[in-house]
């Protein structure tokens, strides 16, 4: 039998989940807007650049030509505005990194064990935290958060404190390398998610399909499933 205290606990968990989703979505929209505004900084005969030039995915961190060109363009056109936009980007990215790391942990927990957002049945034993979740569900989101925060720290130190001056190749290569590590952590998380959901022995595919059908029919949605849908949509 579920007590009133347990009922409040599960309601609090669901409310917290949707609060995390709201902050995640708001920060994502803010990051998109800042990137659009940075691209609006243009000069005759030169390309425009968004935030992807210093935080986007690039398999070759040694290729910093675009970043150097962006710094030159921003420095010569609207340095004050660009610095302000980068600061807003860092603020939004801090919120995004924390909430996205939590979302990854929830998704990995959900895929690796059982849906943590549904109440256990009466008399059901507490759900075990499986070893594979402790390995992947914590380490991968923690690595992502670490690399994202390191990237933000480098962007602040190299671009903001340096006032868009060219710091030379080593700091820029380090910044792009940390950014690549961040994206690799995200890719690893989704590879693990897909691998776990495709395992027939734990019924994840069937359970996910049932949850999707229930959501399409207007039923109650699981926050992890809804968050995953938002990520795919964006």
Protein backbone atom coordinates (compact mmCIF):
# COMPACT_ATOMS: atom_id res chain seq x y z
CA UNK A 1 0.00 0.00 0.00
CA UNK A 2 1.33 3.40 -1.01
CA UNK A 3 1.40 5.90 1.86
CA UNK A 4 0.72 9.63 1.56
CA UNK A 5 4.43 10.30 2.12
CA UNK A 6 5.35 8.00 -0.77
CA UNK A 7 2.69 9.63 -2.93
CA UNK A 8 4.16 13.09 -2.26
CA UNK A 9 7.64 11.75 -2.99
CA UNK A 10 6.67 10.43 -6.42
CA UNK A 11 4.78 13.61 -7.25
CA UNK A 12 7.87 15.61 -6.29
CA UNK A 13 10.01 13.45 -8.57
CA UNK A 14 7.69 14.02 -11.50
CA UNK A 15 7.52 17.76 -10.83
CA UNK A 16 11.30 17.90 -10.62
CA UNK A 17 11.55 16.05 -13.92
CA UNK A 18 9.35 18.52 -15.74
CA UNK A 19 11.20 21.44 -14.12
CA UNK A 20 14.47 20.04 -15.46
CA UNK A 21 12.83 19.68 -18.86
CA UNK A 22 11.68 23.30 -18.77
CA UNK A 23 15.11 24.65 -17.87
CA UNK A 24 16.69 22.42 -20.52
CA UNK A 25 14.35 23.66 -23.23
CA UNK A 26 14.68 27.33 -22.20
CA UNK A 27 18.48 27.14 -22.21
CA UNK A 28 18.41 25.37 -25.58
CA UNK A 29 16.29 28.15 -27.07
CA UNK A 30 18.62 30.77 -25.57
CA UNK A 31 21.65 29.04 -27.09
CA UNK A 32 19.92 28.99 -30.47
CA UNK A 33 19.07 32.69 -30.28
CA UNK A 34 22.61 33.66 -29.29
CA UNK A 35 23.99 31.64 -32.19
CA UNK A 36 21.60 33.39 -34.58
CA UNK A 37 22.60 36.83 -33.29
CA UNK A 38 26.30 36.01 -33.63
CA UNK A 39 25.72 34.97 -37.23
CA UNK A 40 24.15 38.38 -37.83
CA UNK A 41 27.54 40.02 -37.18
CA UNK A 42 28.81 40.38 -40.73
CA UNK A 43 31.32 42.35 -42.75
CA UNK A 44 31.54 42.90 -46.48
CA UNK A 45 33.36 40.05 -48.19
CA UNK A 46 33.57 37.88 -45.04
CA UNK A 47 31.58 34.90 -43.79
CA UNK A 48 29.47 35.08 -40.66
CA UNK A 49 30.02 32.71 -37.74
CA UNK A 50 27.85 31.36 -34.95
CA UNK A 51 28.68 29.72 -31.64
CA UNK A 52 29.37 26.43 -33.44
CA UNK A 53 32.74 27.85 -34.45
CA UNK A 54 34.00 27.40 -30.89
CA UNK A 55 31.58 24.85 -29.39
CA UNK A 56 30.25 22.82 -32.31
CA UNK A 57 31.22 19.34 -33.46
CA UNK A 58 34.41 19.04 -35.51
CA UNK A 59 36.31 15.77 -35.88
CA UNK A 60 39.56 17.66 -36.49
CA UNK A 61 40.37 19.96 -33.54
CA UNK A 62 43.58 21.01 -35.30
CA UNK A 63 41.53 22.83 -37.91
CA UNK A 64 41.06 26.25 -36.29
CA UNK A 65 40.97 28.34 -39.47
CA UNK A 66 37.30 29.23 -39.07
CA UNK A 67 37.79 30.11 -35.40
CA UNK A 68 40.70 32.42 -36.20
CA UNK A 69 38.66 34.07 -38.99
CA UNK A 70 35.71 34.48 -36.62
CA UNK A 71 37.85 36.17 -33.99
CA UNK A 72 39.21 38.58 -36.59
CA UNK A 73 35.73 39.39 -37.89
CA UNK A 74 34.23 39.88 -34.43
CA UNK A 75 37.21 41.94 -33.21
CA UNK A 76 37.04 44.30 -36.18
CA UNK A 77 33.27 44.77 -36.38
CA UNK A 78 31.38 44.58 -33.08
CA UNK A 79 33.69 43.35 -30.33
CA UNK A 80 31.57 44.69 -27.45
CA UNK A 81 28.36 43.08 -28.74
CA UNK A 82 30.08 39.78 -29.49
CA UNK A 83 31.61 39.60 -26.02
CA UNK A 84 28.17 40.21 -24.49
CA UNK A 85 26.63 37.47 -26.65
CA UNK A 86 29.39 35.02 -25.71
CA UNK A 87 28.74 35.73 -22.02
CA UNK A 88 25.05 35.00 -22.55
CA UNK A 89 26.03 31.83 -24.40
CA UNK A 90 28.15 30.69 -21.46
CA UNK A 91 25.32 31.36 -18.99
CA UNK A 92 22.82 29.43 -21.11
CA UNK A 93 25.31 26.64 -21.74
CA UNK A 94 25.91 26.24 -18.01
CA UNK A 95 22.18 25.64 -17.46
CA UNK A 96 22.04 23.41 -20.51
CA UNK A 97 25.05 21.31 -19.49
CA UNK A 98 23.74 20.61 -15.99
CA UNK A 99 20.20 19.75 -17.10
CA UNK A 100 21.36 17.72 -20.10
CA UNK A 101 23.71 15.69 -17.90
CA UNK A 102 20.77 14.94 -15.58
CA UNK A 103 18.62 13.99 -18.59
CA UNK A 104 21.29 11.63 -19.89
CA UNK A 105 21.53 10.00 -16.48
CA UNK A 106 17.74 9.58 -16.33
CA UNK A 107 17.59 8.12 -19.83
CA UNK A 108 20.44 5.71 -19.14
CA UNK A 109 18.85 4.69 -15.84
CA UNK A 110 15.53 4.16 -17.58
CA UNK A 111 17.01 2.13 -20.41
CA UNK A 112 19.46 0.16 -18.28
CA UNK A 113 17.06 -0.88 -15.56
CA UNK A 114 13.39 0.06 -15.29
CA UNK A 115 11.47 3.28 -15.61
CA UNK A 116 12.44 5.22 -12.42
CA UNK A 117 9.49 7.61 -12.79
CA UNK A 118 6.75 5.03 -12.18
CA UNK A 119 5.78 4.04 -8.66
CA UNK A 120 6.60 0.51 -7.53
CA UNK A 121 3.59 -1.71 -7.01
CA UNK A 122 2.34 -2.46 -3.51
CA UNK A 123 4.73 -4.83 -1.79
CA UNK A 124 7.33 -4.53 -4.54
CA UNK A 125 10.94 -4.50 -3.38
CA UNK A 126 13.03 -1.35 -4.07
CA UNK A 127 14.53 -1.43 -7.52
CA UNK A 128 18.21 -2.29 -7.60
CA UNK A 129 20.77 0.11 -9.02
CA UNK A 130 22.43 -2.19 -11.46
CA UNK A 131 26.15 -2.24 -11.93
CA UNK A 132 25.87 -1.34 -15.59
CA UNK A 133 23.92 1.79 -14.69
CA UNK A 134 26.51 2.80 -12.12
CA UNK A 135 29.11 2.34 -14.84
CA UNK A 136 27.43 4.02 -17.80
CA UNK A 137 24.56 5.96 -16.27
CA UNK A 138 26.87 7.99 -14.04
CA UNK A 139 30.25 8.04 -15.76
CA UNK A 140 29.08 9.14 -19.21
CA UNK A 141 26.90 12.07 -18.04
CA UNK A 142 29.63 13.07 -15.56
CA UNK A 143 32.24 13.09 -18.35
CA UNK A 144 29.94 15.10 -20.58
CA UNK A 145 29.35 17.68 -17.84
CA UNK A 146 33.07 17.86 -17.06
CA UNK A 147 34.06 18.45 -20.69
CA UNK A 148 31.28 20.98 -21.25
CA UNK A 149 32.29 22.98 -18.17
CA UNK A 150 35.94 22.80 -19.23
CA UNK A 151 34.93 24.13 -22.65
CA UNK A 152 33.02 27.02 -21.05
CA UNK A 153 36.01 27.79 -18.82
CA UNK A 154 38.34 27.87 -21.84
CA UNK A 155 35.94 30.03 -23.86
CA UNK A 156 35.75 32.48 -20.98
CA UNK A 157 39.50 32.53 -20.45
CA UNK A 158 40.59 32.62 -24.08
CA UNK A 159 37.84 34.61 -25.80
CA UNK A 160 36.21 36.77 -23.12
CA UNK A 161 39.23 37.58 -20.95
CA UNK A 162 41.37 37.88 -24.06
CA UNK A 163 38.80 40.26 -25.57
CA UNK A 164 38.75 38.29 -28.83
CA UNK A 165 42.49 38.68 -29.40
CA UNK A 166 44.24 35.87 -31.27
CA UNK A 167 45.86 33.77 -28.50
CA UNK A 168 47.80 31.54 -30.88
CA UNK A 169 47.20 27.95 -31.90
CA UNK A 170 47.68 25.97 -28.63
CA UNK A 171 44.78 27.52 -26.62
CA UNK A 172 42.41 27.32 -29.58
CA UNK A 173 43.36 23.71 -30.33
CA UNK A 174 42.86 22.83 -26.66
CA UNK A 175 39.42 24.47 -26.72
CA UNK A 176 38.36 22.55 -29.82
CA UNK A 177 39.79 19.28 -28.43
CA UNK A 178 37.75 19.60 -25.23
CA UNK A 179 34.68 20.39 -27.34
CA UNK A 180 35.27 17.23 -29.39
CA UNK A 181 35.56 15.18 -26.17
CA UNK A 182 32.19 16.62 -25.07
CA UNK A 183 30.53 15.50 -28.29
CA UNK A 184 32.11 12.05 -28.05
CA UNK A 185 30.58 11.67 -24.57
CA UNK A 186 27.14 12.59 -25.97
CA UNK A 187 27.58 10.10 -28.82
CA UNK A 188 28.64 7.39 -26.36
CA UNK A 189 25.52 8.02 -24.28
CA UNK A 190 23.20 7.58 -27.25
CA UNK A 191 25.07 4.48 -28.44
CA UNK A 192 24.56 2.91 -25.00
CA UNK A 193 20.88 3.94 -25.01
CA UNK A 194 20.26 2.40 -28.42
CA UNK A 195 22.15 -0.77 -27.51
CA UNK A 196 20.13 -1.25 -24.32
CA UNK A 197 16.80 -0.55 -25.98
CA UNK A 198 17.55 -3.04 -28.77
CA UNK A 199 18.22 -5.86 -26.31
CA UNK A 200 15.33 -8.27 -26.62
CA UNK A 201 15.90 -9.95 -23.27
CA UNK A 202 14.90 -6.92 -21.19
CA UNK A 203 11.86 -5.91 -23.21
CA UNK A 204 13.01 -2.32 -23.65
CA UNK A 205 11.85 -2.06 -27.27
CA UNK A 206 8.39 -3.36 -26.43
CA UNK A 207 8.10 -1.10 -23.39
CA UNK A 208 9.24 1.94 -25.37
CA UNK A 209 6.73 1.15 -28.12
CA UNK A 210 3.90 0.87 -25.61
CA UNK A 211 4.89 4.18 -24.00
CA UNK A 212 4.94 5.90 -27.41
CA UNK A 213 1.51 4.53 -28.33
CA UNK A 214 0.13 5.64 -24.96
CA UNK A 215 1.53 9.17 -25.45
CA UNK A 216 0.08 9.39 -28.98
CA UNK A 217 -3.34 8.45 -27.60
CA UNK A 218 -3.18 11.35 -25.13
CA UNK A 219 -2.15 9.31 -22.12
CA UNK A 220 0.34 10.19 -19.43
CA UNK A 221 3.91 10.50 -20.71
CA UNK A 222 7.06 9.32 -19.05
CA UNK A 223 9.40 12.32 -18.59
CA UNK A 224 12.47 10.43 -19.90
CA UNK A 225 10.58 9.44 -23.05
CA UNK A 226 9.28 12.99 -23.54
CA UNK A 227 12.76 14.45 -23.02
CA UNK A 228 14.25 12.00 -25.51
CA UNK A 229 11.60 13.06 -28.02
CA UNK A 230 12.49 16.73 -27.48
CA UNK A 231 16.17 16.00 -28.02
CA UNK A 232 15.48 14.10 -31.26
CA UNK A 233 13.11 16.83 -32.47
CA UNK A 234 15.65 19.61 -31.84
